[in-house]
Amino acid sequence: WDAYCLDVVEIDSAVIRIARKHFYVDEVSELRPGTLRCIEGDGRSYVEQYRGDRYDCIVLDAFSGCEPVESLATVEFAREAKRVLAAGGAVLANVVSADAASFSTAFETVYAMPCEDDPLAVEDNYLLVATDTDVVPDGAMVFDDEFLGTPLYDAEL
């Protein structure tokens, strides 16, 4: 446990305050100093500027309303995410299909895992996995070129 650290980057200070108050963030930080860091900032900027130890995993769950944050779904961001990952690392993203095309330009393997159905959800939810390993678990939906669609580039934002 002591060798692991979780960095959480959140752009909204109110979300950090709520997490500190209701999700025991401060208590975890006191029990295991240095293992959980809440960083107020933009996730894209954080990744672009990051020069520390490599991460094993990057988890994206960033939305503006019901839409994923586009700046975290571009080819350029996918390349930056890959740069900060350790060998065998992965990006996990709560996404819609548009992100798969962008991440497939930077990673060898991109697939989606269906998440548990929410009876109140408007559409199905999937966890995108982008990695350079060739391990694909049972039940994964591997994207083919026809399904991937068109990658999103920064210049299109």
Protein backbone atom coordinates (compact mmCIF):
# COMPACT_ATOMS: atom_id res chain seq x y z
CA TRP A 1 0.00 0.00 0.00
CA ASP A 2 2.75 2.47 0.88
CA ALA A 3 4.18 2.22 -2.64
CA TYR A 4 0.96 3.42 -4.23
CA CYS A 5 -0.36 6.91 -4.61
CA LEU A 6 -3.61 8.19 -6.01
CA ASP A 7 -3.60 11.65 -7.59
CA VAL A 8 -7.06 13.08 -8.19
CA VAL A 9 -7.26 16.11 -10.45
CA GLU A 10 -10.53 18.00 -10.20
CA ILE A 11 -11.27 21.34 -11.84
CA ASP A 12 -14.18 22.26 -9.55
CA SER A 13 -13.18 23.29 -6.03
CA ALA A 14 -16.73 22.60 -4.82
CA VAL A 15 -16.36 18.93 -5.79
CA ILE A 16 -13.13 18.74 -3.78
CA ARG A 17 -14.83 20.33 -0.76
CA ILE A 18 -17.71 17.82 -1.01
CA ALA A 19 -15.26 14.92 -1.30
CA ARG A 20 -13.37 16.13 1.77
CA LYS A 21 -16.60 16.48 3.73
CA HIS A 22 -18.53 13.38 2.65
CA PHE A 23 -16.08 10.84 1.19
CA TYR A 24 -13.41 10.71 3.93
CA VAL A 25 -10.67 12.23 1.79
CA ASP A 26 -9.07 14.06 4.72
CA GLU A 27 -9.27 10.97 6.94
CA VAL A 28 -7.49 8.85 4.32
CA SER A 29 -4.84 11.53 3.92
CA GLU A 30 -4.25 11.54 7.69
CA LEU A 31 -4.12 7.74 7.96
CA ARG A 32 -1.81 7.30 4.97
CA PRO A 33 0.02 10.58 4.32
CA GLY A 34 1.06 10.99 0.70
CA THR A 35 -1.12 8.21 -0.69
CA LEU A 36 -4.00 10.43 -1.78
CA ARG A 37 -3.50 13.85 -3.31
CA CYS A 38 -6.38 16.09 -4.40
CA ILE A 39 -5.16 18.56 -6.99
CA GLU A 40 -7.41 21.42 -8.04
CA GLY A 41 -6.84 22.01 -11.74
CA ASP A 42 -7.58 21.07 -15.30
CA GLY A 43 -6.87 17.41 -16.05
CA ARG A 44 -5.59 18.07 -19.55
CA SER A 45 -3.14 20.72 -18.35
CA TYR A 46 -2.01 18.49 -15.50
CA VAL A 47 -1.14 15.63 -17.86
CA GLU A 48 0.58 17.92 -20.36
CA GLN A 49 2.78 19.48 -17.65
CA TYR A 50 3.43 16.30 -15.67
CA ARG A 51 7.07 15.22 -15.45
CA GLY A 52 7.04 12.93 -12.39
CA ASP A 53 7.02 9.16 -11.96
CA ARG A 54 4.98 7.25 -14.50
CA TYR A 55 1.40 6.30 -13.67
CA ASP A 56 0.11 2.75 -13.92
CA CYS A 57 -3.36 3.97 -14.77
CA ILE A 58 -5.20 7.13 -15.74
CA VAL A 59 -8.92 7.16 -15.05
CA LEU A 60 -11.10 9.69 -16.87
CA ASP A 61 -14.61 10.48 -15.73
CA ALA A 62 -14.91 14.06 -16.89
CA PHE A 63 -18.16 15.43 -18.23
CA SER A 64 -19.62 18.82 -18.99
CA GLY A 65 -23.28 18.14 -18.39
CA CYS A 66 -23.99 14.87 -20.23
CA GLU A 67 -21.14 15.26 -22.72
CA PRO A 68 -17.54 14.10 -22.20
CA VAL A 69 -14.97 16.88 -22.02
CA GLU A 70 -13.74 17.08 -25.61
CA SER A 71 -10.21 18.20 -24.72
CA LEU A 72 -9.73 14.81 -23.00
CA ALA A 73 -10.91 12.92 -26.09
CA THR A 74 -8.46 14.12 -28.71
CA VAL A 75 -5.56 12.36 -30.40
CA GLU A 76 -3.15 14.85 -28.85
CA PHE A 77 -4.42 14.14 -25.34
CA ALA A 78 -4.26 10.38 -25.95
CA ARG A 79 -0.58 10.77 -26.89
CA GLU A 80 0.11 12.85 -23.76
CA ALA A 81 -1.68 10.28 -21.59
CA LYS A 82 0.45 7.51 -23.10
CA ARG A 83 3.60 9.56 -22.36
CA VAL A 84 2.90 9.65 -18.62
CA LEU A 85 2.01 5.94 -18.35
CA ALA A 86 4.37 3.21 -17.23
CA ALA A 87 4.95 0.25 -19.55
CA GLY A 88 1.80 -1.85 -19.54
CA GLY A 89 -0.25 1.04 -18.15
CA ALA A 90 -3.76 1.86 -19.27
CA VAL A 91 -6.21 4.69 -19.69
CA LEU A 92 -9.69 3.88 -18.41
CA ALA A 93 -12.43 6.25 -19.47
CA ASN A 94 -16.13 6.50 -18.83
CA VAL A 95 -17.00 7.49 -22.37
CA VAL A 96 -19.12 7.39 -25.42
CA SER A 97 -17.75 5.84 -28.61
CA ALA A 98 -16.16 9.02 -29.99
CA ASP A 99 -13.15 8.65 -27.67
CA ALA A 100 -12.25 5.20 -28.99
CA ALA A 101 -11.10 6.50 -32.37
CA SER A 102 -8.77 9.08 -30.83
CA PHE A 103 -7.22 6.68 -28.32
CA SER A 104 -6.75 3.99 -30.99
CA THR A 105 -4.26 6.30 -32.75
CA ALA A 106 -1.96 6.26 -29.70
CA PHE A 107 -2.48 2.79 -28.19
CA GLU A 108 -2.15 -0.71 -29.62
CA THR A 109 -5.27 -2.09 -27.96
CA VAL A 110 -8.56 -0.29 -27.38
CA TYR A 111 -11.69 -2.02 -26.19
CA ALA A 112 -14.80 -1.35 -24.17
CA MET A 113 -16.21 -3.17 -21.20
CA PRO A 114 -19.95 -2.87 -20.60
CA CYS A 115 -20.81 -1.47 -17.19
CA GLU A 116 -23.69 -2.51 -15.03
CA ASP A 117 -26.94 -1.20 -16.45
CA ASP A 118 -28.56 1.68 -14.62
CA PRO A 119 -32.32 1.47 -14.98
CA LEU A 120 -32.55 5.28 -15.10
CA ALA A 121 -29.79 5.73 -17.70
CA VAL A 122 -30.64 7.22 -21.07
CA GLU A 123 -28.06 5.11 -22.86
CA ASP A 124 -25.70 2.22 -22.14
CA ASN A 125 -22.49 2.94 -20.26
CA TYR A 126 -19.09 1.54 -21.20
CA LEU A 127 -15.59 1.71 -19.80
CA LEU A 128 -13.04 2.36 -22.53
CA VAL A 129 -9.65 0.72 -21.99
CA ALA A 130 -6.63 1.92 -23.98
CA THR A 131 -3.34 0.10 -23.47
CA ASP A 132 -0.31 -1.26 -25.28
CA THR A 133 -0.74 -4.73 -23.82
CA ASP A 134 -2.45 -7.39 -25.91
CA VAL A 135 -4.59 -8.76 -23.07
CA VAL A 136 -8.30 -8.41 -23.79
CA PRO A 137 -10.64 -9.85 -21.14
CA ASP A 138 -13.66 -12.00 -21.88
CA GLY A 139 -16.73 -9.89 -22.52
CA ALA A 140 -14.76 -6.99 -23.99
CA MET A 141 -15.97 -5.30 -27.14
CA VAL A 142 -12.99 -4.83 -29.44
CA PHE A 143 -13.36 -1.93 -31.84
CA ASP A 144 -12.89 -2.54 -35.54
CA ASP A 145 -12.04 0.18 -38.05
CA GLU A 146 -15.64 0.44 -39.20
CA PHE A 147 -16.96 1.11 -35.69
CA LEU A 148 -14.21 3.44 -34.53
CA GLY A 149 -15.31 6.45 -36.49
CA THR A 150 -13.17 9.55 -36.87
CA PRO A 151 -10.51 10.62 -34.38
CA LEU A 152 -10.90 14.06 -32.81
CA TYR A 153 -7.98 16.49 -33.12
CA ASP A 154 -7.31 19.61 -31.04
CA ALA A 155 -7.62 21.78 -34.14
CA GLU A 156 -11.27 20.70 -34.43
CA LEU A 157 -12.23 22.01 -30.99
